[in-house]
Amino acid sequence: MTARPPMVLASASPRRRELLAAAGLDFLVRPADVDESPVVGEEPMAQALRLAKAKALAVASGHPDSLILSADTVVVLNGKIYGKPRSLSEAKGVLKALQGHSHEVVTAYCLIAGDGRPPLSRATVSKVAFRPLTDREIDLYLEKGESLDKAGAYAIQGHGLGLIQEVEGSLTNVMGLPLSDVLAALEELQGPPPA
């Protein structure tokens, strides 16, 4: 059996790196540089799938013989997408909107095998219930410095865990990569590892 091609993670996310490393995978990190602007009227899952595929394709051109993995995560409440806030005041507004409600976390991932097969793109949805929060609790959380590079302005793997009442579905999906789904998709693409 031939050896697996090297894997490239098309993401700058430290959470995704940590999750893949915890699963025992070897990979290079090559963040994708793509325009992540939303398209008017695009559904949240469609947006995440589009961006994940765009990131994978952007990196694949420079690594034609590698297996490329990319992902994109969006937080959705009542049909509205909450991406990465650009300021602490925006982050506070996001957390105020999410508090006391359940929202969805959609992470789309894309795998390009490097062997001519079409990209494999899928999405995983988890539901997250925030407990009711006071303005003081939100301000204290914002002081932790976790909000600005996270969709939905919180990090469930950090201090943001204290904001959460309940998670339904994949916890790693909420962290930015549905690890069990991705590992299953890798096996589907590559078959069992070489003996």
N, C-alpha and C. Protein backbone atom coordinates (compact mmCIF):
# COMPACT_ATOMS: atom_id res chain seq x y z
N MET A 1 0.84 -1.17 0.00
CA MET A 1 0.00 0.00 0.00
C MET A 1 0.89 1.24 0.00
N THR A 2 0.49 2.25 -0.76
CA THR A 2 1.29 3.46 -0.83
C THR A 2 1.08 4.31 0.41
N ALA A 3 2.08 5.12 0.71
CA ALA A 3 1.99 6.00 1.88
C ALA A 3 0.98 7.11 1.62
N ARG A 4 0.38 7.60 2.69
CA ARG A 4 -0.55 8.70 2.57
C ARG A 4 0.20 9.97 2.15
N PRO A 5 -0.46 10.82 1.35
CA PRO A 5 0.19 12.10 1.02
C PRO A 5 0.24 12.97 2.27
N PRO A 6 1.17 13.93 2.31
CA PRO A 6 1.21 14.82 3.47
C PRO A 6 -0.08 15.62 3.57
N MET A 7 -0.50 15.93 4.79
CA MET A 7 -1.72 16.70 5.00
C MET A 7 -1.36 18.16 5.28
N VAL A 8 -2.15 19.05 4.71
CA VAL A 8 -1.96 20.49 4.91
C VAL A 8 -3.26 21.05 5.49
N LEU A 9 -3.14 21.75 6.61
CA LEU A 9 -4.27 22.43 7.22
C LEU A 9 -4.31 23.86 6.70
N ALA A 10 -5.35 24.18 5.97
CA ALA A 10 -5.50 25.51 5.37
C ALA A 10 -6.24 26.42 6.35
N SER A 11 -5.63 26.63 7.52
CA SER A 11 -6.27 27.43 8.57
C SER A 11 -5.22 27.95 9.52
N ALA A 12 -5.43 29.17 10.02
CA ALA A 12 -4.54 29.75 11.02
C ALA A 12 -5.03 29.46 12.43
N SER A 13 -6.15 28.77 12.56
CA SER A 13 -6.77 28.56 13.87
C SER A 13 -5.94 27.67 14.78
N PRO A 14 -5.51 28.19 15.94
CA PRO A 14 -4.78 27.33 16.88
C PRO A 14 -5.65 26.20 17.43
N ARG A 15 -6.96 26.42 17.54
CA ARG A 15 -7.86 25.36 18.02
C ARG A 15 -7.86 24.19 17.06
N ARG A 16 -7.94 24.47 15.78
CA ARG A 16 -7.95 23.37 14.80
C ARG A 16 -6.62 22.62 14.82
N ARG A 17 -5.53 23.35 14.96
CA ARG A 17 -4.22 22.68 15.06
C ARG A 17 -4.19 21.77 16.28
N GLU A 18 -4.67 22.27 17.42
CA GLU A 18 -4.65 21.47 18.65
C GLU A 18 -5.50 20.22 18.52
N LEU A 19 -6.66 20.34 17.91
CA LEU A 19 -7.55 19.19 17.76
C LEU A 19 -6.92 18.12 16.86
N LEU A 20 -6.35 18.54 15.74
CA LEU A 20 -5.71 17.57 14.84
C LEU A 20 -4.50 16.91 15.49
N ALA A 21 -3.73 17.71 16.21
CA ALA A 21 -2.56 17.15 16.90
C ALA A 21 -2.99 16.16 17.98
N ALA A 22 -4.08 16.49 18.70
CA ALA A 22 -4.58 15.58 19.74
C ALA A 22 -5.04 14.26 19.14
N ALA A 23 -5.47 14.30 17.87
CA ALA A 23 -5.89 13.06 17.19
C ALA A 23 -4.70 12.29 16.64
N GLY A 24 -3.49 12.81 16.82
CA GLY A 24 -2.30 12.11 16.38
C GLY A 24 -1.95 12.29 14.91
N LEU A 25 -2.52 13.32 14.29
CA LEU A 25 -2.25 13.54 12.86
C LEU A 25 -1.04 14.43 12.67
N ASP A 26 -0.27 14.14 11.63
CA ASP A 26 0.84 14.99 11.22
C ASP A 26 0.36 15.88 10.08
N PHE A 27 0.72 17.15 10.13
CA PHE A 27 0.24 18.07 9.10
C PHE A 27 1.10 19.33 9.09
N LEU A 28 1.07 19.99 7.95
CA LEU A 28 1.65 21.33 7.80
C LEU A 28 0.53 22.34 7.94
N VAL A 29 0.87 23.55 8.34
CA VAL A 29 -0.12 24.62 8.44
C VAL A 29 0.18 25.66 7.37
N ARG A 30 -0.78 25.88 6.50
CA ARG A 30 -0.67 26.89 5.46
C ARG A 30 -1.99 27.65 5.40
N PRO A 31 -2.13 28.70 6.19
CA PRO A 31 -3.40 29.44 6.21
C PRO A 31 -3.77 29.97 4.82
N ALA A 32 -5.04 29.92 4.53
CA ALA A 32 -5.55 30.40 3.25
C ALA A 32 -5.85 31.89 3.34
N ASP A 33 -5.59 32.58 2.24
CA ASP A 33 -5.91 34.00 2.16
C ASP A 33 -7.05 34.16 1.17
N VAL A 34 -8.28 34.19 1.68
CA VAL A 34 -9.45 34.33 0.82
C VAL A 34 -10.35 35.44 1.35
N ASP A 35 -11.14 35.99 0.48
CA ASP A 35 -12.13 37.01 0.86
C ASP A 35 -13.28 36.31 1.57
N GLU A 36 -13.48 36.63 2.84
CA GLU A 36 -14.53 35.98 3.62
C GLU A 36 -15.80 36.82 3.72
N SER A 37 -15.94 37.79 2.84
CA SER A 37 -17.12 38.65 2.85
C SER A 37 -18.38 37.83 2.63
N PRO A 38 -19.45 38.13 3.38
CA PRO A 38 -20.70 37.40 3.15
C PRO A 38 -21.34 37.79 1.82
N VAL A 39 -22.14 36.89 1.30
CA VAL A 39 -22.90 37.14 0.08
C VAL A 39 -24.34 37.41 0.52
N VAL A 40 -24.91 38.49 0.04
CA VAL A 40 -26.26 38.88 0.44
C VAL A 40 -27.24 37.75 0.14
N GLY A 41 -28.03 37.38 1.15
CA GLY A 41 -29.05 36.36 0.99
C GLY A 41 -28.56 34.93 1.12
N GLU A 42 -27.26 34.75 1.32
CA GLU A 42 -26.71 33.39 1.42
C GLU A 42 -27.05 32.79 2.78
N GLU A 43 -27.50 31.54 2.76
CA GLU A 43 -27.81 30.84 4.01
C GLU A 43 -26.52 30.54 4.78
N PRO A 44 -26.61 30.47 6.12
CA PRO A 44 -25.39 30.24 6.91
C PRO A 44 -24.60 29.00 6.52
N MET A 45 -25.28 27.87 6.32
CA MET A 45 -24.55 26.65 5.96
C MET A 45 -23.90 26.80 4.59
N ALA A 46 -24.61 27.42 3.66
CA ALA A 46 -24.06 27.62 2.32
C ALA A 46 -22.82 28.52 2.38
N GLN A 47 -22.87 29.53 3.24
CA GLN A 47 -21.71 30.42 3.39
C GLN A 47 -20.51 29.65 3.94
N ALA A 48 -20.73 28.88 4.99
CA ALA A 48 -19.63 28.12 5.59
C ALA A 48 -19.04 27.13 4.58
N LEU A 49 -19.90 26.44 3.84
CA LEU A 49 -19.42 25.48 2.83
C LEU A 49 -18.63 26.18 1.73
N ARG A 50 -19.14 27.33 1.28
CA ARG A 50 -18.45 28.08 0.22
C ARG A 50 -17.06 28.53 0.67
N LEU A 51 -16.98 29.06 1.89
CA LEU A 51 -15.70 29.57 2.38
C LEU A 51 -14.71 28.44 2.66
N ALA A 52 -15.20 27.32 3.21
CA ALA A 52 -14.31 26.19 3.46
C ALA A 52 -13.71 25.69 2.14
N LYS A 53 -14.54 25.58 1.11
CA LYS A 53 -14.05 25.11 -0.18
C LYS A 53 -13.08 26.11 -0.80
N ALA A 54 -13.39 27.41 -0.69
CA ALA A 54 -12.50 28.44 -1.24
C ALA A 54 -11.13 28.40 -0.57
N LYS A 55 -11.12 28.18 0.74
CA LYS A 55 -9.84 28.10 1.47
C LYS A 55 -9.04 26.89 1.02
N ALA A 56 -9.71 25.74 0.88
CA ALA A 56 -9.01 24.53 0.45
C ALA A 56 -8.44 24.69 -0.95
N LEU A 57 -9.22 25.24 -1.86
CA LEU A 57 -8.76 25.42 -3.24
C LEU A 57 -7.60 26.41 -3.32
N ALA A 58 -7.64 27.45 -2.49
CA ALA A 58 -6.57 28.45 -2.50
C ALA A 58 -5.23 27.84 -2.09
N VAL A 59 -5.26 26.93 -1.14
CA VAL A 59 -4.01 26.31 -0.67
C VAL A 59 -3.61 25.13 -1.56
N ALA A 60 -4.59 24.43 -2.13
CA ALA A 60 -4.30 23.24 -2.94
C ALA A 60 -3.43 23.56 -4.15
N SER A 61 -3.59 24.75 -4.71
CA SER A 61 -2.81 25.09 -5.90
C SER A 61 -1.31 25.08 -5.62
N GLY A 62 -0.91 25.40 -4.38
CA GLY A 62 0.50 25.38 -4.02
C GLY A 62 0.98 24.05 -3.46
N HIS A 63 0.05 23.11 -3.26
CA HIS A 63 0.39 21.80 -2.69
C HIS A 63 -0.38 20.72 -3.45
N PRO A 64 -0.07 20.53 -4.74
CA PRO A 64 -0.89 19.65 -5.58
C PRO A 64 -0.87 18.18 -5.18
N ASP A 65 0.16 17.73 -4.47
CA ASP A 65 0.25 16.32 -4.10
C ASP A 65 -0.13 16.07 -2.64
N SER A 66 -0.68 17.07 -2.00
CA SER A 66 -1.02 16.96 -0.58
C SER A 66 -2.52 16.82 -0.39
N LEU A 67 -2.88 16.30 0.77
CA LEU A 67 -4.28 16.26 1.17
C LEU A 67 -4.55 17.57 1.93
N ILE A 68 -5.51 18.33 1.47
CA ILE A 68 -5.80 19.64 2.05
C ILE A 68 -7.05 19.56 2.91
N LEU A 69 -6.99 20.14 4.11
CA LEU A 69 -8.15 20.26 4.99
C LEU A 69 -8.34 21.72 5.34
N SER A 70 -9.56 22.20 5.13
CA SER A 70 -9.90 23.56 5.52
C SER A 70 -11.23 23.53 6.26
N ALA A 71 -11.55 24.62 6.93
CA ALA A 71 -12.82 24.69 7.65
C ALA A 71 -13.26 26.14 7.80
N ASP A 72 -14.53 26.30 8.01
CA ASP A 72 -15.09 27.63 8.30
C ASP A 72 -16.23 27.46 9.29
N THR A 73 -16.25 28.29 10.32
CA THR A 73 -17.26 28.19 11.38
C THR A 73 -18.08 29.47 11.44
N VAL A 74 -19.40 29.30 11.53
CA VAL A 74 -20.29 30.44 11.74
C VAL A 74 -21.22 30.14 12.91
N VAL A 75 -21.58 31.20 13.61
CA VAL A 75 -22.54 31.12 14.71
C VAL A 75 -23.83 31.76 14.21
N VAL A 76 -24.95 31.08 14.44
CA VAL A 76 -26.22 31.53 13.87
C VAL A 76 -27.29 31.60 14.97
N LEU A 77 -27.93 32.75 15.07
CA LEU A 77 -29.06 32.93 15.99
C LEU A 77 -30.22 33.55 15.21
N ASN A 78 -31.33 32.83 15.16
CA ASN A 78 -32.52 33.30 14.45
C ASN A 78 -32.21 33.70 13.00
N GLY A 79 -31.38 32.89 12.35
CA GLY A 79 -31.05 33.13 10.95
C GLY A 79 -29.96 34.15 10.70
N LYS A 80 -29.51 34.84 11.74
CA LYS A 80 -28.46 35.86 11.59
C LYS A 80 -27.10 35.24 11.91
N ILE A 81 -26.14 35.52 11.04
CA ILE A 81 -24.78 35.01 11.22
C ILE A 81 -23.97 35.97 12.07
N TYR A 82 -23.31 35.40 13.09
CA TYR A 82 -22.40 36.18 13.92
C TYR A 82 -20.99 35.67 13.67
N GLY A 83 -20.20 36.46 12.97
CA GLY A 83 -18.83 36.08 12.69
C GLY A 83 -17.89 36.57 13.77
N LYS A 84 -16.65 36.80 13.39
CA LYS A 84 -15.65 37.30 14.34
C LYS A 84 -15.86 38.80 14.54
N PRO A 85 -16.06 39.23 15.78
CA PRO A 85 -16.27 40.67 16.01
C PRO A 85 -15.00 41.46 15.73
N ARG A 86 -15.18 42.71 15.28
CA ARG A 86 -14.04 43.56 14.94
C ARG A 86 -13.61 44.44 16.11
N SER A 87 -14.40 44.49 17.17
CA SER A 87 -14.06 45.33 18.32
C SER A 87 -14.70 44.73 19.57
N LEU A 88 -14.25 45.19 20.74
CA LEU A 88 -14.84 44.70 21.99
C LEU A 88 -16.28 45.14 22.13
N SER A 89 -16.60 46.33 21.61
CA SER A 89 -18.00 46.77 21.71
C SER A 89 -18.90 45.90 20.83
N GLU A 90 -18.39 45.49 19.66
CA GLU A 90 -19.15 44.59 18.81
C GLU A 90 -19.28 43.22 19.48
N ALA A 91 -18.19 42.76 20.10
CA ALA A 91 -18.22 41.48 20.81
C ALA A 91 -19.25 41.51 21.94
N LYS A 92 -19.33 42.64 22.65
CA LYS A 92 -20.31 42.75 23.73
C LYS A 92 -21.73 42.65 23.18
N GLY A 93 -21.98 43.29 22.05
CA GLY A 93 -23.30 43.21 21.42
C GLY A 93 -23.66 41.78 21.02
N VAL A 94 -22.66 41.04 20.51
CA VAL A 94 -22.89 39.65 20.12
C VAL A 94 -23.25 38.82 21.35
N LEU A 95 -22.46 38.95 22.42
CA LEU A 95 -22.72 38.17 23.63
C LEU A 95 -24.06 38.53 24.26
N LYS A 96 -24.43 39.80 24.18
CA LYS A 96 -25.75 40.20 24.71
C LYS A 96 -26.87 39.56 23.89
N ALA A 97 -26.66 39.43 22.58
CA ALA A 97 -27.67 38.80 21.73
C ALA A 97 -27.78 37.31 22.02
N LEU A 98 -26.63 36.65 22.28
CA LEU A 98 -26.63 35.21 22.49
C LEU A 98 -27.09 34.80 23.88
N GLN A 99 -26.86 35.65 24.88
CA GLN A 99 -27.15 35.26 26.26
C GLN A 99 -28.63 34.92 26.44
N GLY A 100 -28.85 33.83 27.19
CA GLY A 100 -30.22 33.40 27.47
C GLY A 100 -30.91 32.68 26.34
N HIS A 101 -30.19 32.44 25.24
CA HIS A 101 -30.79 31.81 24.06
C HIS A 101 -29.96 30.61 23.60
N SER A 102 -30.56 29.80 22.73
CA SER A 102 -29.84 28.73 22.05
C SER A 102 -29.50 29.19 20.65
N HIS A 103 -28.28 28.90 20.21
CA HIS A 103 -27.87 29.23 18.85
C HIS A 103 -27.23 28.00 18.21
N GLU A 104 -26.99 28.09 16.93
CA GLU A 104 -26.35 27.00 16.20
C GLU A 104 -24.92 27.39 15.85
N VAL A 105 -24.04 26.41 15.93
CA VAL A 105 -22.67 26.56 15.44
C VAL A 105 -22.53 25.63 14.25
N VAL A 106 -22.24 26.21 13.09
CA VAL A 106 -22.08 25.45 11.85
C VAL A 106 -20.61 25.49 11.46
N THR A 107 -19.99 24.34 11.39
CA THR A 107 -18.63 24.26 10.87
C THR A 107 -18.65 23.41 9.61
N ALA A 108 -18.26 24.05 8.52
CA ALA A 108 -18.09 23.32 7.26
C ALA A 108 -16.62 22.99 7.10
N TYR A 109 -16.35 21.83 6.52
CA TYR A 109 -14.97 21.46 6.25
C TYR A 109 -14.88 20.95 4.83
N CYS A 110 -13.70 21.09 4.26
CA CYS A 110 -13.47 20.65 2.88
C CYS A 110 -12.17 19.88 2.84
N LEU A 111 -12.18 18.75 2.17
CA LEU A 111 -10.99 17.92 1.97
C LEU A 111 -10.73 17.78 0.48
N ILE A 112 -9.49 18.04 0.08
CA ILE A 112 -9.07 17.83 -1.30
C ILE A 112 -7.97 16.78 -1.26
N ALA A 113 -8.19 15.67 -1.93
CA ALA A 113 -7.30 14.52 -1.82
C ALA A 113 -6.00 14.66 -2.60
N GLY A 114 -5.95 15.55 -3.57
CA GLY A 114 -4.73 15.71 -4.35
C GLY A 114 -4.53 14.65 -5.40
N ASP A 115 -5.60 13.89 -5.70
CA ASP A 115 -5.48 12.83 -6.69
C ASP A 115 -6.50 12.99 -7.82
N GLY A 116 -7.02 14.20 -7.95
CA GLY A 116 -7.95 14.47 -9.04
C GLY A 116 -9.42 14.29 -8.69
N ARG A 117 -9.70 13.66 -7.54
CA ARG A 117 -11.10 13.53 -7.14
C ARG A 117 -11.67 14.89 -6.77
N PRO A 118 -12.98 15.08 -6.91
CA PRO A 118 -13.56 16.37 -6.53
C PRO A 118 -13.45 16.60 -5.03
N PRO A 119 -13.43 17.86 -4.60
CA PRO A 119 -13.38 18.15 -3.16
C PRO A 119 -14.56 17.52 -2.42
N LEU A 120 -14.30 17.08 -1.20
CA LEU A 120 -15.35 16.55 -0.34
C LEU A 120 -15.68 17.65 0.67
N SER A 121 -16.89 18.18 0.60
CA SER A 121 -17.31 19.27 1.49
C SER A 121 -18.54 18.85 2.28
N ARG A 122 -18.47 19.05 3.60
CA ARG A 122 -19.60 18.71 4.47
C ARG A 122 -19.69 19.74 5.59
N ALA A 123 -20.79 19.71 6.30
CA ALA A 123 -20.97 20.64 7.43
C ALA A 123 -21.59 19.89 8.60
N THR A 124 -21.24 20.33 9.79
CA THR A 124 -21.76 19.77 11.04
C THR A 124 -22.40 20.91 11.83
N VAL A 125 -23.53 20.62 12.45
CA VAL A 125 -24.24 21.63 13.23
C VAL A 125 -24.36 21.17 14.68
N SER A 126 -24.01 22.05 15.60
CA SER A 126 -24.22 21.83 17.03
C SER A 126 -25.11 22.94 17.56
N LYS A 127 -25.85 22.64 18.63
CA LYS A 127 -26.68 23.66 19.28
C LYS A 127 -26.05 24.00 20.63
N VAL A 128 -25.95 25.29 20.91
CA VAL A 128 -25.34 25.77 22.15
C VAL A 128 -26.32 26.68 22.84
N ALA A 129 -26.61 26.38 24.11
CA ALA A 129 -27.49 27.23 24.91
C ALA A 129 -26.63 28.05 25.87
N PHE A 130 -26.76 29.38 25.77
CA PHE A 130 -26.10 30.27 26.72
C PHE A 130 -27.01 30.45 27.92
N ARG A 131 -26.43 30.51 29.09
CA ARG A 131 -27.22 30.86 30.26
C ARG A 131 -27.47 32.37 30.25
N PRO A 132 -28.47 32.85 30.98
CA PRO A 132 -28.67 34.29 31.07
C PRO A 132 -27.44 34.94 31.71
N LEU A 133 -27.00 36.06 31.16
CA LEU A 133 -25.80 36.75 31.64
C LEU A 133 -26.10 38.20 31.97
N THR A 134 -25.47 38.69 33.02
CA THR A 134 -25.58 40.11 33.34
C THR A 134 -24.54 40.88 32.53
N ASP A 135 -24.71 42.19 32.44
CA ASP A 135 -23.72 43.02 31.75
C ASP A 135 -22.35 42.87 32.41
N ARG A 136 -22.34 42.77 33.72
CA ARG A 136 -21.06 42.62 34.44
C ARG A 136 -20.37 41.31 34.05
N GLU A 137 -21.14 40.22 33.96
CA GLU A 137 -20.55 38.94 33.56
C GLU A 137 -19.98 39.02 32.14
N ILE A 138 -20.69 39.69 31.26
CA ILE A 138 -20.20 39.85 29.89
C ILE A 138 -18.92 40.68 29.88
N ASP A 139 -18.89 41.78 30.64
CA ASP A 139 -17.69 42.62 30.70
C ASP A 139 -16.50 41.84 31.27
N LEU A 140 -16.75 41.04 32.30
CA LEU A 140 -15.67 40.24 32.88
C LEU A 140 -15.13 39.23 31.87
N TYR A 141 -16.03 38.65 31.08
CA TYR A 141 -15.58 37.71 30.06
C TYR A 141 -14.77 38.43 28.98
N LEU A 142 -15.23 39.58 28.56
CA LEU A 142 -14.50 40.32 27.53
C LEU A 142 -13.09 40.67 27.98
N GLU A 143 -12.90 40.89 29.27
CA GLU A 143 -11.57 41.19 29.81
C GLU A 143 -10.61 40.02 29.66
N LYS A 144 -11.13 38.81 29.46
CA LYS A 144 -10.27 37.63 29.31
C LYS A 144 -9.54 37.62 27.96
N GLY A 145 -10.00 38.42 27.01
CA GLY A 145 -9.31 38.54 25.74
C GLY A 145 -9.55 37.41 24.75
N GLU A 146 -10.64 36.69 24.89
CA GLU A 146 -10.90 35.54 24.00
C GLU A 146 -11.83 35.86 22.83
N SER A 147 -12.40 37.04 22.80
CA SER A 147 -13.55 37.28 21.93
C SER A 147 -13.24 37.65 20.48
N LEU A 148 -12.14 38.33 20.23
CA LEU A 148 -11.99 38.98 18.94
C LEU A 148 -11.68 38.07 17.76
N ASP A 149 -11.12 36.90 17.98
CA ASP A 149 -10.84 36.03 16.83
C ASP A 149 -11.73 34.80 16.81
N LYS A 150 -12.91 34.92 17.42
CA LYS A 150 -13.83 33.77 17.49
C LYS A 150 -15.19 34.13 16.90
N ALA A 151 -15.72 33.26 16.06
CA ALA A 151 -17.09 33.41 15.61
C ALA A 151 -18.00 33.37 16.83
N GLY A 152 -18.91 34.31 16.94
CA GLY A 152 -19.81 34.36 18.09
C GLY A 152 -19.20 35.01 19.31
N ALA A 153 -17.94 35.43 19.24
CA ALA A 153 -17.26 36.18 20.30
C ALA A 153 -16.99 35.39 21.58
N TYR A 154 -16.95 34.05 21.47
CA TYR A 154 -16.62 33.27 22.67
C TYR A 154 -15.81 32.04 22.30
N ALA A 155 -15.08 31.53 23.29
CA ALA A 155 -14.26 30.32 23.12
C ALA A 155 -14.72 29.29 24.13
N ILE A 156 -15.41 28.27 23.65
CA ILE A 156 -15.94 27.25 24.57
C ILE A 156 -14.82 26.47 25.24
N GLN A 157 -13.65 26.40 24.59
CA GLN A 157 -12.53 25.67 25.17
C GLN A 157 -11.76 26.51 26.18
N GLY A 158 -12.17 27.76 26.38
CA GLY A 158 -11.50 28.64 27.33
C GLY A 158 -12.47 29.09 28.42
N HIS A 159 -12.36 30.36 28.79
CA HIS A 159 -13.23 30.92 29.82
C HIS A 159 -14.69 30.96 29.36
N GLY A 160 -14.91 30.89 28.05
CA GLY A 160 -16.27 30.91 27.52
C GLY A 160 -17.11 29.73 27.97
N LEU A 161 -16.47 28.69 28.46
CA LEU A 161 -17.23 27.54 28.95
C LEU A 161 -18.20 27.96 30.06
N GLY A 162 -17.82 28.97 30.82
CA GLY A 162 -18.69 29.46 31.90
C GLY A 162 -19.94 30.17 31.42
N LEU A 163 -20.01 30.47 30.13
CA LEU A 163 -21.20 31.13 29.57
C LEU A 163 -22.25 30.12 29.13
N ILE A 164 -21.83 28.86 29.03
CA ILE A 164 -22.64 27.82 28.38
C ILE A 164 -23.49 27.06 29.39
N GLN A 165 -24.74 26.88 29.02
CA GLN A 165 -25.64 26.06 29.82
C GLN A 165 -25.69 24.63 29.31
N GLU A 166 -25.68 24.49 27.97
CA GLU A 166 -25.82 23.14 27.40
C GLU A 166 -25.30 23.13 25.96
N VAL A 167 -24.72 21.99 25.57
CA VAL A 167 -24.30 21.78 24.18
C VAL A 167 -24.97 20.51 23.68
N GLU A 168 -25.58 20.62 22.51
CA GLU A 168 -26.21 19.46 21.87
C GLU A 168 -25.46 19.19 20.57
N GLY A 169 -24.82 18.04 20.50
CA GLY A 169 -24.03 17.73 19.32
C GLY A 169 -22.55 17.74 19.63
N SER A 170 -21.74 17.90 18.59
CA SER A 170 -20.29 17.81 18.71
C SER A 170 -19.69 19.01 19.44
N LEU A 171 -18.97 18.75 20.52
CA LEU A 171 -18.27 19.81 21.25
C LEU A 171 -17.12 20.35 20.42
N THR A 172 -16.37 19.46 19.74
CA THR A 172 -15.25 19.96 18.96
C THR A 172 -15.72 20.80 17.77
N ASN A 173 -16.93 20.56 17.31
CA ASN A 173 -17.51 21.41 16.26
C ASN A 173 -17.61 22.85 16.75
N VAL A 174 -18.02 23.02 18.00
CA VAL A 174 -18.16 24.36 18.58
C VAL A 174 -16.77 25.00 18.72
N MET A 175 -15.74 24.19 18.88
CA MET A 175 -14.37 24.68 18.96
C MET A 175 -13.81 25.04 17.58
N GLY A 176 -14.47 24.61 16.52
CA GLY A 176 -14.04 24.99 15.18
C GLY A 176 -13.73 23.85 14.23
N LEU A 177 -13.85 22.59 14.70
CA LEU A 177 -13.60 21.46 13.81
C LEU A 177 -14.30 20.22 14.36
N PRO A 178 -15.31 19.70 13.65
CA PRO A 178 -15.99 18.48 14.13
C PRO A 178 -15.09 17.28 13.94
N LEU A 179 -14.25 17.03 14.93
CA LEU A 179 -13.13 16.11 14.78
C LEU A 179 -13.56 14.70 14.36
N SER A 180 -14.58 14.13 15.00
CA SER A 180 -14.96 12.76 14.65
C SER A 180 -15.46 12.69 13.21
N ASP A 181 -16.18 13.71 12.76
CA ASP A 181 -16.67 13.74 11.38
C ASP A 181 -15.50 13.86 10.39
N VAL A 182 -14.53 14.72 10.73
CA VAL A 182 -13.38 14.91 9.86
C VAL A 182 -12.54 13.64 9.78
N LEU A 183 -12.34 12.97 10.91
CA LEU A 183 -11.55 11.73 10.90
C LEU A 183 -12.24 10.66 10.07
N ALA A 184 -13.57 10.58 10.18
CA ALA A 184 -14.31 9.61 9.36
C ALA A 184 -14.19 9.95 7.88
N ALA A 185 -14.24 11.23 7.55
CA ALA A 185 -14.12 11.64 6.15
C ALA A 185 -12.72 11.35 5.62
N LEU A 186 -11.71 11.53 6.46
CA LEU A 186 -10.34 11.20 6.05
C LEU A 186 -10.21 9.71 5.74
N GLU A 187 -10.80 8.88 6.57
CA GLU A 187 -10.76 7.43 6.32
C GLU A 187 -11.50 7.09 5.03
N GLU A 188 -12.61 7.77 4.82
CA GLU A 188 -13.39 7.54 3.60
C GLU A 188 -12.56 7.89 2.36
N LEU A 189 -11.82 8.99 2.43
CA LEU A 189 -11.00 9.43 1.30
C LEU A 189 -9.78 8.55 1.10
N GLN A 190 -9.14 8.19 2.21
CA GLN A 190 -7.82 7.57 2.10
C GLN A 190 -7.80 6.07 2.38
N GLY A 191 -8.85 5.56 2.96
CA GLY A 191 -8.81 4.17 3.38
C GLY A 191 -7.99 4.05 4.66
N PRO A 192 -7.78 2.84 5.14
CA PRO A 192 -7.03 2.67 6.38
C PRO A 192 -5.57 3.11 6.21
N PRO A 193 -4.92 3.53 7.29
CA PRO A 193 -3.53 3.92 7.19
C PRO A 193 -2.65 2.74 6.80
N PRO A 194 -1.49 3.03 6.20
CA PRO A 194 -0.59 1.94 5.81
C PRO A 194 -0.13 1.15 7.02
N ALA A 195 0.06 -0.15 6.85
CA ALA A 195 0.47 -1.02 7.97
C ALA A 195 1.91 -0.77 8.35
